[in-house]
Amino acid sequence: MKNLWGFFAVGFLIISGCKKEYSFEGANTNNDTIVRPPGPPTGISYNFPVCAYCNSLTTTELWTWSFKMENALLCGKLDTAIVINNRTVFTFFGPSACSIDTGMVITVYLENDTLNRDIPYLITNKVSFFYYDHVGPSYIFISQAYSPFSATIENYNHQTRIATGTFTGFARRSDGRYVSINSGKFKVRLL
């Protein structure tokens, strides 16, 4: 018992012992504590091949999507579109027109509305954007919760279930840098 008491006494001394604290004196402590995403990169470019199909696309046809990233125009055919969560969320996706290994997925969260009536115009800032790659990294571009990305439903016809809209924002590349996604367009029948 004597040895056991000595063990507890030593353990107590070690646990309750003081440890030197290091100070951070003289530093500027008036820093903003909000985490901000890095701005769009400058002088960095992705070299997407020119797609003759995308360059010839003049209007948004049903079951299509397109967007610009830097000087590249990317587009494709949508193969799936679904509405979930009592018609307050919709998602659509499909492969790129000129590369079957890449494609786009967008999920739009309607903040104060539902797709149960005609909607002539609606903007939402709750959008998830994902441009995937089946060969290289799992994604080429992906939106982030703290980085601005929005979608505009320019028209939703409840009888035909056809939605036409646009999207824009910043997305993170697979190397961690950000790019501007702009001039995004889609036209899809939401089932």
N, C-alpha and C. Protein backbone atom coordinates (compact mmCIF):
# COMPACT_ATOMS: atom_id res chain seq x y z
N MET A 1 0.82 -1.18 0.00
CA MET A 1 0.00 0.00 0.00
C MET A 1 0.87 1.25 0.00
N LYS A 2 2.00 1.16 0.69
CA LYS A 2 2.92 2.28 0.75
C LYS A 2 3.41 2.66 -0.64
N ASN A 3 3.75 1.67 -1.48
CA ASN A 3 4.20 1.95 -2.85
C ASN A 3 3.09 2.52 -3.72
N LEU A 4 1.88 2.03 -3.50
CA LEU A 4 0.75 2.53 -4.27
C LEU A 4 0.46 4.00 -3.95
N TRP A 5 0.55 4.36 -2.65
CA TRP A 5 0.35 5.76 -2.23
C TRP A 5 1.42 6.67 -2.85
N GLY A 6 2.64 6.20 -2.90
CA GLY A 6 3.72 6.96 -3.52
C GLY A 6 3.47 7.18 -5.01
N PHE A 7 2.91 6.15 -5.68
CA PHE A 7 2.58 6.26 -7.10
C PHE A 7 1.53 7.36 -7.34
N PHE A 8 0.46 7.37 -6.49
CA PHE A 8 -0.58 8.39 -6.63
C PHE A 8 -0.02 9.78 -6.33
N ALA A 9 0.84 9.87 -5.36
CA ALA A 9 1.42 11.17 -5.00
C ALA A 9 2.27 11.71 -6.14
N VAL A 10 3.08 10.85 -6.75
CA VAL A 10 3.91 11.28 -7.88
C VAL A 10 3.01 11.65 -9.06
N GLY A 11 1.98 10.83 -9.33
CA GLY A 11 1.04 11.12 -10.42
C GLY A 11 0.34 12.43 -10.20
N PHE A 12 -0.04 12.72 -8.96
CA PHE A 12 -0.71 13.97 -8.66
C PHE A 12 0.21 15.15 -8.88
N LEU A 13 1.44 15.00 -8.50
CA LEU A 13 2.40 16.09 -8.67
C LEU A 13 2.65 16.36 -10.15
N ILE A 14 2.69 15.33 -10.94
CA ILE A 14 2.93 15.50 -12.38
C ILE A 14 1.73 16.16 -13.04
N ILE A 15 0.54 15.73 -12.69
CA ILE A 15 -0.67 16.28 -13.29
C ILE A 15 -0.88 17.73 -12.87
N SER A 16 -0.65 18.00 -11.61
CA SER A 16 -0.96 19.34 -11.13
C SER A 16 0.22 20.31 -11.29
N GLY A 17 1.31 19.85 -11.85
CA GLY A 17 2.46 20.72 -12.01
C GLY A 17 2.18 21.85 -13.00
N CYS A 18 2.89 22.93 -12.86
CA CYS A 18 2.70 24.08 -13.75
C CYS A 18 3.50 23.89 -15.03
N LYS A 19 2.96 24.40 -16.06
CA LYS A 19 3.65 24.35 -17.35
C LYS A 19 3.80 25.79 -17.82
N LYS A 20 4.94 26.12 -18.38
CA LYS A 20 5.18 27.49 -18.83
C LYS A 20 4.21 27.84 -19.95
N GLU A 21 3.55 28.97 -19.81
CA GLU A 21 2.66 29.45 -20.85
C GLU A 21 3.41 30.42 -21.74
N TYR A 22 3.15 30.37 -22.99
CA TYR A 22 3.80 31.26 -23.94
C TYR A 22 2.82 32.39 -24.27
N SER A 23 3.31 33.57 -24.33
CA SER A 23 2.43 34.71 -24.60
C SER A 23 2.56 35.14 -26.05
N PHE A 24 1.60 35.93 -26.46
CA PHE A 24 1.55 36.43 -27.82
C PHE A 24 1.53 37.95 -27.75
N GLU A 25 2.39 38.50 -26.97
CA GLU A 25 2.41 39.94 -26.74
C GLU A 25 2.99 40.66 -27.94
N GLY A 26 2.48 41.85 -28.17
CA GLY A 26 3.00 42.69 -29.24
C GLY A 26 2.42 42.40 -30.60
N ALA A 27 1.52 41.43 -30.71
CA ALA A 27 0.94 41.10 -32.01
C ALA A 27 -0.30 41.93 -32.25
N ASN A 28 -0.68 42.09 -33.49
CA ASN A 28 -1.89 42.80 -33.84
C ASN A 28 -3.06 41.84 -33.60
N THR A 29 -3.86 42.09 -32.58
CA THR A 29 -4.98 41.20 -32.25
C THR A 29 -6.30 41.70 -32.78
N ASN A 30 -6.30 42.72 -33.60
CA ASN A 30 -7.53 43.25 -34.17
C ASN A 30 -7.84 42.60 -35.51
N ASN A 31 -7.48 41.35 -35.65
CA ASN A 31 -7.71 40.64 -36.92
C ASN A 31 -9.15 40.19 -37.01
N ASP A 32 -9.66 40.14 -38.19
CA ASP A 32 -10.99 39.63 -38.46
C ASP A 32 -10.96 38.12 -38.26
N THR A 33 -11.91 37.56 -37.54
CA THR A 33 -11.91 36.13 -37.28
C THR A 33 -12.76 35.35 -38.27
N ILE A 34 -13.36 36.00 -39.24
CA ILE A 34 -14.16 35.32 -40.24
C ILE A 34 -13.23 34.70 -41.27
N VAL A 35 -13.45 33.43 -41.57
CA VAL A 35 -12.65 32.75 -42.58
C VAL A 35 -13.17 33.16 -43.94
N ARG A 36 -12.30 33.68 -44.76
CA ARG A 36 -12.69 34.13 -46.09
C ARG A 36 -11.99 33.27 -47.14
N PRO A 37 -12.73 32.88 -48.19
CA PRO A 37 -12.08 32.09 -49.24
C PRO A 37 -11.10 32.95 -50.01
N PRO A 38 -10.09 32.32 -50.57
CA PRO A 38 -9.17 33.09 -51.39
C PRO A 38 -9.90 33.63 -52.61
N GLY A 39 -9.46 34.77 -53.09
CA GLY A 39 -10.07 35.36 -54.27
C GLY A 39 -9.75 34.56 -55.51
N PRO A 40 -10.33 34.96 -56.62
CA PRO A 40 -10.06 34.23 -57.86
C PRO A 40 -8.60 34.36 -58.25
N PRO A 41 -8.04 33.31 -58.83
CA PRO A 41 -6.63 33.36 -59.21
C PRO A 41 -6.39 34.32 -60.35
N THR A 42 -5.19 34.81 -60.42
CA THR A 42 -4.82 35.68 -61.54
C THR A 42 -3.68 35.02 -62.31
N GLY A 43 -3.76 35.07 -63.59
CA GLY A 43 -2.69 34.55 -64.42
C GLY A 43 -2.61 33.03 -64.48
N ILE A 44 -3.60 32.33 -63.94
CA ILE A 44 -3.59 30.87 -63.96
C ILE A 44 -4.71 30.44 -64.89
N SER A 45 -4.44 29.46 -65.72
CA SER A 45 -5.51 29.03 -66.62
C SER A 45 -5.53 27.52 -66.75
N TYR A 46 -6.73 27.02 -66.96
CA TYR A 46 -6.93 25.63 -67.33
C TYR A 46 -6.98 25.61 -68.84
N ASN A 47 -6.41 24.65 -69.45
CA ASN A 47 -6.42 24.56 -70.90
C ASN A 47 -7.38 23.46 -71.34
N PHE A 48 -8.66 23.82 -71.41
CA PHE A 48 -9.65 22.88 -71.92
C PHE A 48 -9.60 22.91 -73.43
N PRO A 49 -9.75 21.75 -74.07
CA PRO A 49 -9.76 21.75 -75.53
C PRO A 49 -10.99 22.48 -76.05
N VAL A 50 -10.87 23.07 -77.21
CA VAL A 50 -12.00 23.76 -77.84
C VAL A 50 -13.01 22.70 -78.25
N CYS A 51 -14.25 22.94 -77.89
CA CYS A 51 -15.32 21.99 -78.22
C CYS A 51 -16.20 22.61 -79.30
N ALA A 52 -16.17 22.04 -80.49
CA ALA A 52 -16.95 22.59 -81.61
C ALA A 52 -18.43 22.59 -81.30
N TYR A 53 -18.91 21.57 -80.60
CA TYR A 53 -20.33 21.51 -80.25
C TYR A 53 -20.71 22.69 -79.35
N CYS A 54 -19.92 22.95 -78.33
CA CYS A 54 -20.21 24.05 -77.41
C CYS A 54 -20.14 25.39 -78.12
N ASN A 55 -19.17 25.55 -78.99
CA ASN A 55 -19.04 26.81 -79.71
C ASN A 55 -20.19 27.05 -80.68
N SER A 56 -20.83 25.99 -81.16
CA SER A 56 -21.95 26.15 -82.09
C SER A 56 -23.29 26.29 -81.36
N LEU A 57 -23.32 26.05 -80.07
CA LEU A 57 -24.55 26.15 -79.29
C LEU A 57 -24.90 27.63 -79.09
N THR A 58 -25.98 28.06 -79.73
CA THR A 58 -26.35 29.48 -79.65
C THR A 58 -27.48 29.73 -78.66
N THR A 59 -28.32 28.76 -78.44
CA THR A 59 -29.41 28.90 -77.47
C THR A 59 -29.37 27.71 -76.53
N THR A 60 -30.06 27.88 -75.43
CA THR A 60 -30.16 26.77 -74.49
C THR A 60 -31.31 25.87 -74.92
N GLU A 61 -30.97 24.67 -75.34
CA GLU A 61 -31.98 23.71 -75.75
C GLU A 61 -32.39 22.89 -74.53
N LEU A 62 -33.55 22.25 -74.61
CA LEU A 62 -34.01 21.41 -73.51
C LEU A 62 -33.00 20.30 -73.26
N TRP A 63 -32.73 20.02 -72.01
CA TRP A 63 -31.79 19.01 -71.53
C TRP A 63 -30.34 19.38 -71.80
N THR A 64 -30.01 20.68 -71.77
CA THR A 64 -28.63 21.11 -71.96
C THR A 64 -28.18 22.02 -70.81
N TRP A 65 -26.87 22.11 -70.68
CA TRP A 65 -26.23 23.03 -69.74
C TRP A 65 -24.98 23.59 -70.40
N SER A 66 -24.55 24.76 -69.93
CA SER A 66 -23.29 25.34 -70.41
C SER A 66 -22.81 26.36 -69.39
N PHE A 67 -21.52 26.61 -69.38
CA PHE A 67 -20.95 27.69 -68.57
C PHE A 67 -19.57 28.03 -69.10
N LYS A 68 -19.09 29.21 -68.70
CA LYS A 68 -17.75 29.65 -69.06
C LYS A 68 -16.88 29.64 -67.82
N MET A 69 -15.64 29.25 -68.04
CA MET A 69 -14.60 29.31 -67.01
C MET A 69 -13.37 29.85 -67.72
N GLU A 70 -12.96 31.07 -67.31
CA GLU A 70 -11.89 31.78 -68.00
C GLU A 70 -12.26 31.89 -69.48
N ASN A 71 -11.45 31.40 -70.38
CA ASN A 71 -11.75 31.50 -71.81
C ASN A 71 -12.40 30.25 -72.37
N ALA A 72 -12.68 29.28 -71.54
CA ALA A 72 -13.24 28.02 -72.00
C ALA A 72 -14.76 28.02 -71.89
N LEU A 73 -15.42 27.49 -72.91
CA LEU A 73 -16.86 27.29 -72.89
C LEU A 73 -17.09 25.79 -72.75
N LEU A 74 -17.76 25.40 -71.68
CA LEU A 74 -18.04 23.99 -71.42
C LEU A 74 -19.54 23.78 -71.48
N CYS A 75 -19.96 22.64 -72.02
CA CYS A 75 -21.39 22.38 -72.16
C CYS A 75 -21.64 20.89 -72.17
N GLY A 76 -22.91 20.53 -72.10
CA GLY A 76 -23.24 19.13 -72.13
C GLY A 76 -24.74 18.88 -72.15
N LYS A 77 -25.07 17.61 -72.19
CA LYS A 77 -26.46 17.16 -72.18
C LYS A 77 -26.79 16.66 -70.79
N LEU A 78 -27.95 17.05 -70.30
CA LEU A 78 -28.41 16.56 -69.00
C LEU A 78 -29.07 15.21 -69.20
N ASP A 79 -28.78 14.27 -68.31
CA ASP A 79 -29.43 12.98 -68.41
C ASP A 79 -30.32 12.67 -67.21
N THR A 80 -30.24 13.48 -66.16
CA THR A 80 -31.05 13.25 -64.96
C THR A 80 -31.44 14.59 -64.34
N ALA A 81 -32.69 14.68 -63.90
CA ALA A 81 -33.18 15.85 -63.18
C ALA A 81 -34.26 15.39 -62.21
N ILE A 82 -34.08 15.70 -60.94
CA ILE A 82 -35.05 15.26 -59.94
C ILE A 82 -35.37 16.40 -58.98
N VAL A 83 -36.56 16.34 -58.41
CA VAL A 83 -37.00 17.29 -57.39
C VAL A 83 -37.23 16.50 -56.11
N ILE A 84 -36.72 17.01 -55.00
CA ILE A 84 -36.85 16.31 -53.72
C ILE A 84 -37.29 17.28 -52.63
N ASN A 85 -37.46 16.74 -51.43
CA ASN A 85 -37.75 17.52 -50.22
C ASN A 85 -38.97 18.42 -50.40
N ASN A 86 -40.11 17.79 -50.73
CA ASN A 86 -41.37 18.54 -50.92
C ASN A 86 -41.25 19.64 -51.96
N ARG A 87 -40.47 19.37 -53.00
CA ARG A 87 -40.28 20.27 -54.14
C ARG A 87 -39.58 21.57 -53.77
N THR A 88 -38.69 21.52 -52.76
CA THR A 88 -37.91 22.71 -52.39
C THR A 88 -36.45 22.58 -52.81
N VAL A 89 -36.07 21.43 -53.34
CA VAL A 89 -34.69 21.19 -53.79
C VAL A 89 -34.76 20.46 -55.13
N PHE A 90 -33.93 20.90 -56.07
CA PHE A 90 -33.84 20.12 -57.31
C PHE A 90 -32.38 19.99 -57.70
N THR A 91 -32.10 18.89 -58.39
CA THR A 91 -30.74 18.63 -58.85
C THR A 91 -30.80 18.11 -60.27
N PHE A 92 -29.77 18.43 -61.04
CA PHE A 92 -29.68 17.91 -62.40
C PHE A 92 -28.21 17.70 -62.74
N PHE A 93 -27.96 16.74 -63.61
CA PHE A 93 -26.58 16.44 -63.98
C PHE A 93 -26.51 15.72 -65.30
N GLY A 94 -25.30 15.76 -65.88
CA GLY A 94 -25.07 15.08 -67.14
C GLY A 94 -23.65 15.29 -67.61
N PRO A 95 -23.19 14.45 -68.53
CA PRO A 95 -21.80 14.51 -69.01
C PRO A 95 -21.55 15.69 -69.94
N SER A 96 -20.28 16.03 -70.08
CA SER A 96 -19.86 17.07 -71.02
C SER A 96 -20.07 16.60 -72.45
N ALA A 97 -20.33 17.52 -73.33
CA ALA A 97 -20.57 17.18 -74.73
C ALA A 97 -19.32 16.65 -75.41
N CYS A 98 -18.15 17.15 -75.04
CA CYS A 98 -16.93 16.79 -75.75
C CYS A 98 -16.00 15.91 -74.93
N SER A 99 -16.46 15.43 -73.78
CA SER A 99 -15.64 14.54 -72.96
C SER A 99 -16.57 13.72 -72.07
N ILE A 100 -16.74 12.46 -72.38
CA ILE A 100 -17.66 11.64 -71.59
C ILE A 100 -17.13 11.35 -70.19
N ASP A 101 -15.86 11.65 -69.94
CA ASP A 101 -15.28 11.43 -68.62
C ASP A 101 -15.54 12.57 -67.65
N THR A 102 -16.05 13.70 -68.15
CA THR A 102 -16.34 14.84 -67.28
C THR A 102 -17.82 15.19 -67.38
N GLY A 103 -18.28 15.94 -66.40
CA GLY A 103 -19.68 16.34 -66.41
C GLY A 103 -19.97 17.27 -65.26
N MET A 104 -21.22 17.72 -65.18
CA MET A 104 -21.61 18.71 -64.19
C MET A 104 -22.79 18.22 -63.37
N VAL A 105 -22.79 18.59 -62.09
CA VAL A 105 -23.91 18.33 -61.18
C VAL A 105 -24.23 19.65 -60.48
N ILE A 106 -25.49 20.04 -60.47
CA ILE A 106 -25.93 21.22 -59.73
C ILE A 106 -27.13 20.83 -58.88
N THR A 107 -27.09 21.27 -57.63
CA THR A 107 -28.23 21.13 -56.73
C THR A 107 -28.62 22.53 -56.28
N VAL A 108 -29.90 22.85 -56.43
CA VAL A 108 -30.42 24.18 -56.10
C VAL A 108 -31.40 24.03 -54.93
N TYR A 109 -31.16 24.80 -53.88
CA TYR A 109 -32.01 24.79 -52.69
C TYR A 109 -32.85 26.06 -52.71
N LEU A 110 -34.17 25.89 -52.83
CA LEU A 110 -35.06 27.04 -52.81
C LEU A 110 -35.28 27.44 -51.36
N GLU A 111 -34.97 28.67 -51.03
CA GLU A 111 -35.00 29.10 -49.63
C GLU A 111 -36.41 29.33 -49.12
N ASN A 112 -37.24 30.02 -49.85
CA ASN A 112 -38.58 30.36 -49.37
C ASN A 112 -39.65 30.08 -50.41
N ASP A 113 -39.47 29.05 -51.21
CA ASP A 113 -40.42 28.78 -52.27
C ASP A 113 -40.43 27.28 -52.56
N THR A 114 -41.41 26.85 -53.34
CA THR A 114 -41.48 25.45 -53.76
C THR A 114 -41.83 25.41 -55.24
N LEU A 115 -41.51 24.30 -55.87
CA LEU A 115 -41.82 24.12 -57.29
C LEU A 115 -43.20 23.48 -57.43
N ASN A 116 -44.22 24.14 -56.90
CA ASN A 116 -45.59 23.63 -57.03
C ASN A 116 -46.51 24.66 -57.71
N ARG A 117 -45.89 25.62 -58.41
CA ARG A 117 -46.62 26.64 -59.14
C ARG A 117 -45.68 27.23 -60.19
N ASP A 118 -46.20 28.03 -61.09
CA ASP A 118 -45.35 28.74 -62.04
C ASP A 118 -44.47 29.75 -61.29
N ILE A 119 -43.20 29.80 -61.66
CA ILE A 119 -42.28 30.76 -61.05
C ILE A 119 -41.65 31.56 -62.20
N PRO A 120 -41.96 32.86 -62.26
CA PRO A 120 -41.42 33.65 -63.37
C PRO A 120 -39.97 34.07 -63.15
N TYR A 121 -39.53 34.21 -61.89
CA TYR A 121 -38.17 34.67 -61.64
C TYR A 121 -37.85 34.43 -60.17
N LEU A 122 -36.73 33.77 -59.91
CA LEU A 122 -36.35 33.48 -58.53
C LEU A 122 -34.83 33.32 -58.46
N ILE A 123 -34.21 34.01 -57.49
CA ILE A 123 -32.76 33.91 -57.27
C ILE A 123 -32.53 33.18 -55.95
N THR A 124 -31.57 32.27 -55.94
CA THR A 124 -31.17 31.61 -54.70
C THR A 124 -29.65 31.56 -54.61
N ASN A 125 -29.15 31.77 -53.41
CA ASN A 125 -27.71 31.70 -53.17
C ASN A 125 -27.29 30.39 -52.54
N LYS A 126 -28.21 29.46 -52.46
CA LYS A 126 -27.89 28.14 -51.92
C LYS A 126 -27.80 27.15 -53.08
N VAL A 127 -26.61 27.03 -53.61
CA VAL A 127 -26.38 26.20 -54.79
C VAL A 127 -25.12 25.38 -54.58
N SER A 128 -25.20 24.13 -54.92
CA SER A 128 -24.03 23.25 -54.90
C SER A 128 -23.65 22.94 -56.34
N PHE A 129 -22.42 23.25 -56.71
CA PHE A 129 -21.93 23.06 -58.08
C PHE A 129 -20.75 22.11 -58.04
N PHE A 130 -20.72 21.16 -58.97
CA PHE A 130 -19.68 20.14 -58.99
C PHE A 130 -19.39 19.79 -60.44
N TYR A 131 -18.15 19.99 -60.88
CA TYR A 131 -17.74 19.58 -62.22
C TYR A 131 -16.76 18.44 -62.03
N TYR A 132 -17.17 17.24 -62.38
CA TYR A 132 -16.43 16.03 -62.02
C TYR A 132 -15.55 15.51 -63.15
N ASP A 133 -14.66 14.61 -62.76
CA ASP A 133 -13.75 13.96 -63.69
C ASP A 133 -13.64 12.50 -63.27
N HIS A 134 -13.95 11.58 -64.17
CA HIS A 134 -13.85 10.15 -63.87
C HIS A 134 -12.43 9.61 -64.01
N VAL A 135 -11.52 10.36 -64.64
CA VAL A 135 -10.18 9.86 -64.90
C VAL A 135 -9.17 10.37 -63.87
N GLY A 136 -9.11 11.67 -63.66
CA GLY A 136 -8.13 12.28 -62.75
C GLY A 136 -8.68 12.39 -61.34
N PRO A 137 -8.51 13.57 -60.74
CA PRO A 137 -9.07 13.78 -59.41
C PRO A 137 -10.59 13.65 -59.46
N SER A 138 -11.23 13.47 -58.33
CA SER A 138 -12.67 13.25 -58.32
C SER A 138 -13.45 14.47 -58.81
N TYR A 139 -12.86 15.63 -58.72
CA TYR A 139 -13.54 16.82 -59.23
C TYR A 139 -12.53 17.75 -59.89
N ILE A 140 -13.03 18.55 -60.81
CA ILE A 140 -12.22 19.58 -61.43
C ILE A 140 -12.52 20.91 -60.75
N PHE A 141 -13.83 21.19 -60.54
CA PHE A 141 -14.28 22.37 -59.81
C PHE A 141 -15.37 21.94 -58.84
N ILE A 142 -15.41 22.59 -57.68
CA ILE A 142 -16.47 22.32 -56.71
C ILE A 142 -16.74 23.59 -55.92
N SER A 143 -18.02 23.92 -55.76
CA SER A 143 -18.36 25.11 -54.99
C SER A 143 -18.13 24.82 -53.51
N GLN A 144 -17.97 25.89 -52.74
CA GLN A 144 -17.75 25.78 -51.30
C GLN A 144 -18.87 26.53 -50.57
N ALA A 145 -19.21 26.07 -49.38
CA ALA A 145 -20.31 26.69 -48.63
C ALA A 145 -20.05 28.16 -48.34
N TYR A 146 -18.80 28.55 -48.15
CA TYR A 146 -18.47 29.93 -47.78
C TYR A 146 -18.12 30.80 -48.98
N SER A 147 -18.20 30.26 -50.17
CA SER A 147 -17.86 31.01 -51.37
C SER A 147 -19.14 31.27 -52.17
N PRO A 148 -19.32 32.48 -52.69
CA PRO A 148 -20.58 32.81 -53.36
C PRO A 148 -20.83 31.97 -54.62
N PHE A 149 -22.05 31.42 -54.68
CA PHE A 149 -22.50 30.70 -55.87
C PHE A 149 -24.02 30.82 -55.89
N SER A 150 -24.58 31.23 -57.01
CA SER A 150 -26.02 31.46 -57.06
C SER A 150 -26.62 30.91 -58.35
N ALA A 151 -27.93 30.73 -58.31
CA ALA A 151 -28.68 30.31 -59.49
C ALA A 151 -29.91 31.20 -59.60
N THR A 152 -30.31 31.46 -60.81
CA THR A 152 -31.53 32.22 -61.08
C THR A 152 -32.45 31.34 -61.91
N ILE A 153 -33.63 31.10 -61.39
CA ILE A 153 -34.65 30.44 -62.20
C ILE A 153 -35.34 31.56 -62.97
N GLU A 154 -35.08 31.61 -64.25
CA GLU A 154 -35.68 32.66 -65.06
C GLU A 154 -37.14 32.36 -65.36
N ASN A 155 -37.46 31.06 -65.46
CA ASN A 155 -38.85 30.66 -65.69
C ASN A 155 -39.01 29.19 -65.31
N TYR A 156 -40.07 28.92 -64.56
CA TYR A 156 -40.46 27.54 -64.27
C TYR A 156 -41.94 27.42 -64.58
N ASN A 157 -42.28 26.54 -65.53
CA ASN A 157 -43.66 26.28 -65.91
C ASN A 157 -44.09 25.00 -65.21
N HIS A 158 -45.02 25.13 -64.28
CA HIS A 158 -45.41 23.97 -63.47
C HIS A 158 -46.14 22.92 -64.30
N GLN A 159 -46.87 23.33 -65.32
CA GLN A 159 -47.59 22.36 -66.15
C GLN A 159 -46.62 21.49 -66.96
N THR A 160 -45.63 22.11 -67.59
CA THR A 160 -44.66 21.34 -68.39
C THR A 160 -43.49 20.84 -67.55
N ARG A 161 -43.30 21.43 -66.34
CA ARG A 161 -42.19 21.13 -65.42
C ARG A 161 -40.83 21.55 -66.00
N ILE A 162 -40.83 22.46 -66.95
CA ILE A 162 -39.58 22.91 -67.56
C ILE A 162 -39.06 24.14 -66.82
N ALA A 163 -37.79 24.05 -66.42
CA ALA A 163 -37.11 25.16 -65.74
C ALA A 163 -35.98 25.66 -66.64
N THR A 164 -35.91 26.97 -66.79
CA THR A 164 -34.83 27.62 -67.53
C THR A 164 -34.15 28.57 -66.57
N GLY A 165 -32.81 28.54 -66.56
CA GLY A 165 -32.13 29.42 -65.62
C GLY A 165 -30.67 29.62 -65.92
N THR A 166 -30.04 30.35 -65.00
CA THR A 166 -28.62 30.66 -65.10
C THR A 166 -27.94 30.39 -63.77
N PHE A 167 -26.61 30.31 -63.78
CA PHE A 167 -25.85 30.14 -62.55
C PHE A 167 -24.49 30.81 -62.69
N THR A 168 -23.94 31.21 -61.55
CA THR A 168 -22.65 31.89 -61.53
C THR A 168 -22.05 31.80 -60.14
N GLY A 169 -20.73 31.89 -60.04
CA GLY A 169 -20.08 31.89 -58.74
C GLY A 169 -18.62 31.50 -58.83
N PHE A 170 -18.05 31.25 -57.66
CA PHE A 170 -16.66 30.82 -57.58
C PHE A 170 -16.61 29.36 -57.14
N ALA A 171 -15.70 28.60 -57.73
CA ALA A 171 -15.54 27.20 -57.38
C ALA A 171 -14.06 26.91 -57.16
N ARG A 172 -13.81 25.97 -56.26
CA ARG A 172 -12.42 25.58 -55.97
C ARG A 172 -11.98 24.51 -56.95
N ARG A 173 -10.78 24.69 -57.46
CA ARG A 173 -10.19 23.69 -58.35
C ARG A 173 -9.61 22.56 -57.50
N SER A 174 -9.22 21.49 -58.13
CA SER A 174 -8.63 20.36 -57.41
C SER A 174 -7.30 20.71 -56.77
N ASP A 175 -6.63 21.78 -57.24
CA ASP A 175 -5.37 22.20 -56.63
C ASP A 175 -5.57 23.23 -55.53
N GLY A 176 -6.83 23.53 -55.16
CA GLY A 176 -7.13 24.44 -54.07
C GLY A 176 -7.34 25.88 -54.47
N ARG A 177 -7.05 26.24 -55.70
CA ARG A 177 -7.26 27.62 -56.16
C ARG A 177 -8.70 27.79 -56.62
N TYR A 178 -9.12 29.04 -56.75
CA TYR A 178 -10.50 29.34 -57.12
C TYR A 178 -10.59 29.89 -58.53
N VAL A 179 -11.70 29.56 -59.20
CA VAL A 179 -11.97 30.06 -60.54
C VAL A 179 -13.38 30.63 -60.57
N SER A 180 -13.61 31.52 -61.50
CA SER A 180 -14.92 32.11 -61.69
C SER A 180 -15.71 31.28 -62.71
N ILE A 181 -16.87 30.83 -62.28
CA ILE A 181 -17.80 30.13 -63.17
C ILE A 181 -18.85 31.16 -63.54
N ASN A 182 -19.01 31.46 -64.83
CA ASN A 182 -19.96 32.49 -65.22
C ASN A 182 -20.70 32.11 -66.48
N SER A 183 -21.71 32.89 -66.81
CA SER A 183 -22.55 32.66 -67.99
C SER A 183 -23.15 31.27 -68.02
N GLY A 184 -23.37 30.68 -66.84
CA GLY A 184 -23.97 29.35 -66.76
C GLY A 184 -25.42 29.37 -67.18
N LYS A 185 -25.84 28.37 -67.95
CA LYS A 185 -27.22 28.26 -68.42
C LYS A 185 -27.67 26.82 -68.32
N PHE A 186 -28.98 26.65 -68.10
CA PHE A 186 -29.56 25.31 -68.12
C PHE A 186 -31.02 25.38 -68.55
N LYS A 187 -31.48 24.29 -69.12
CA LYS A 187 -32.90 24.13 -69.45
C LYS A 187 -33.22 22.66 -69.27
N VAL A 188 -34.14 22.39 -68.35
CA VAL A 188 -34.37 21.01 -67.95
C VAL A 188 -35.82 20.80 -67.55
N ARG A 189 -36.31 19.58 -67.76
CA ARG A 189 -37.65 19.20 -67.26
C ARG A 189 -37.45 18.52 -65.91
N LEU A 190 -38.00 19.13 -64.87
CA LEU A 190 -37.86 18.61 -63.50
C LEU A 190 -39.01 17.66 -63.20
N LEU A 191 -38.69 16.41 -62.99
CA LEU A 191 -39.73 15.39 -62.77
C LEU A 191 -40.14 15.28 -61.33
